Amino acid sequence: MPLDPLARRVAAVLVLGGFMVVLDTTVTVVALAALARDLDASISAVQWATTAYTLALVAVIPLAAWATARLGSRGTYVLAVVVFTLGSVLAAAAGDVGTLVAARVVQGLGGGLINPVGMAIALRTVAAGQRGRMMSLFGVPVLIAPLVGPVLGGWLIDTLSWRWIFLINVPVGLAVIACRRWLVADGQGAAAPLDVIGLALLAPGAAALAYGFTAIGDAGRLTAGGAVPAAVGAVMVAAFVPWSLRRRRPLLRLRLLRERALAAGLATVAPFGAAYFGAMFVLPLYWQVVRGEGATFAGAVGIPQVLATGLTMQVATRLVDRVPPRRIVVAGVATALTGQLLVLAQLTATAPVAGLMAAGAVTGVGVGATLMPAMTGATRDLPHDDIPGGSTILAITQQLAVALGVAAVSALLTTLVATRAPVLGAGGLGAATDLDPAARLALAPDLAAALQLTLVLPVGLTALSLVVAVTALRAAPLVAAR
C-alpha cells in the first residue's frame, strides 16, 4: 500500500535536509580555485575547507544514537539542521581561509547528525513492511547529490560567486525548520549517561582514520602524514570495540551486529560504497583531462547514470517490501559490476561518448538496486528502540568505507599517472589541464590508460561486494505492511 500523507510529508523534509548535507560534501571540489583566489590562499590551505567538513561530519556521527535518546529524534534533527544552516551562513561570509575552515567544521557537526537521525526518523515513521517505500525517498540525496554537486557548484561559481554554494543551503535549512512539525515527535527518552570514554575513543578515532586515508590518497603513496593518523585512528576504533562490548549502556550497541541481516548488509554495502564513491571522480577527470571537455559537459554525460540510479532506486526499494532483499541486492550488485566492466573495456583516448553514457546508465541501474535496498534490508527488522543505533552503525561504516575507497583510488591514480606520464612531474593530472591542446592530445593515450587501470580497483571491490551478497545475505521472511 502507498505511504500515507504523514509519511510523505516526513519524507519531503528528510529529502531536503539530506540533499543539503550530501551536496555540501562534493560542491566545494569545483570551488577550490575560486576560493584560493578570493581568499588569497594556497590550494592546499583551501582544501582544508573540504577536509575539515568531512572530519567534523565523521566525528559527530557516533553521538547520533545518544542524542536521539536524549532529545528525541525530531529535536535532534532540527538542532542539527539549525547548526548546519548557521555554518552555511558563516561559510558564505568568510573573509579568510581560517574563518572558512571553522565555518565548515560547524557545518560538519550539524551535517553528521542529519543523515543517521533522518534514517532513524524515516524507519520509525512507518511500519516494517513499508520501510522500503520510505527508504526509496530518503535515499534520493545520498545517490544523486554527489553527481549533481560539482555541476551545480560550477554553475553557481560561474554565474554568481563561490559564496552561493553555501548560501543556497540557507533557504533549504529554513524550510526544514519551518516544517519541523511534520516530523513525528517521539519524545525525549531516559537516555543513559553519555559514554564519555567510548566517545573519546570512537569520534577522534574515526576522524583520524578518515584524515589518514585522505592524506594518503592526496599524496598518492604511503606517507607518515597519512599513515600515522590512520594507524592511531585504527587503534582507537579497535579499542572502542571491547570497551563497548563490556558496557551495559555503551555509546553504540555493537551487539546489534549479532543480527545477521544488519551484519551482512554492512559487509555488502561497505565495499560497494567504497567502489561507487571512490570511482565517482574518474569519468569526470577523463572527460576534462583526456578529452579536453569542460565541467558542464563532464556533468552532462553523467545524466543517464543519475536518472537510471534514481528511477531504479524508486522501484527496487519499494520491491524490498514484497521481495526478499537478497534477490534485489544480488541482481543490483551484478548489474553495477557489468556496467563498470563496460566502462573499463571502453575507456581509451577515443572512447565513444554514447558507449560510455550507456555503460554509466547500466551502472546506475545497479547502484539504484543496491545501496538503499541493502540498507533497508539491514535495518528493516530491527526493534523500534534499536533503529537509531543501527542507522548510526551504518552511517559510520559507510563514511569510513567511502573515505578509504576515495583514498585508495586517488593513490592508485596518482601512482599510475606518474608512471605513464612522468613528463607531468609532481603536478600530475592537475598539470595536464594547463597543457596546450597539442601536448594534451599527445599525452591522452597514456592518461586514458592510467584512468582505465585505476578502475580495476573499484571493479574488484564491487566483485567482492557481489561475493558477500551471494554468500552472506539470506532470504529473510517478509514483513507484511501494516
Foldseek 3Di string as FASTA:
>chain_A
DDDDPLLVLLLVLLLLLLLLLLLVLAQCVLVLVQQCVQQVHDSVLLCLLNLLLLLLLLLQLLQQLLVCQAQNLLRLQLVLLVQLLQLLVQLLPDNHSVSNNVSSSSNSNSSSNSLLSSLLLQLLVFALLCSLLSLLSNCLSVQQSNLVNHLVSVVCCVPPRNSVSSVVSNVSSVVSNVSSVSGDTPDHHPGDPAPVLLSVLQSQLLSLLLQLLQVLLVQLHRDCRNPVSNVSSVVSVVVSVVVQVPDPRYSFNPCLCVPLLQVLLLQLQLLLLLLCLQLVCLQLLLCCQLVVDDNNVSSVLLVLLSVLQSVLLNVQSNCVSPFQLLVQQLVLLVQLLQLLVQCLVQQFSDGDSVSNSVSSNSNSNSNSSHNSSSLSSNQSPDPSSCSSSSSSVSSSSSSSSNSNSNSLLSSQLQVQQCVLPVVQPPCGSVSSSVDDPVVSNVSSRSNSVSSSVSSVVSSVSSVSSSVSSVPRDDRDDRDHGD
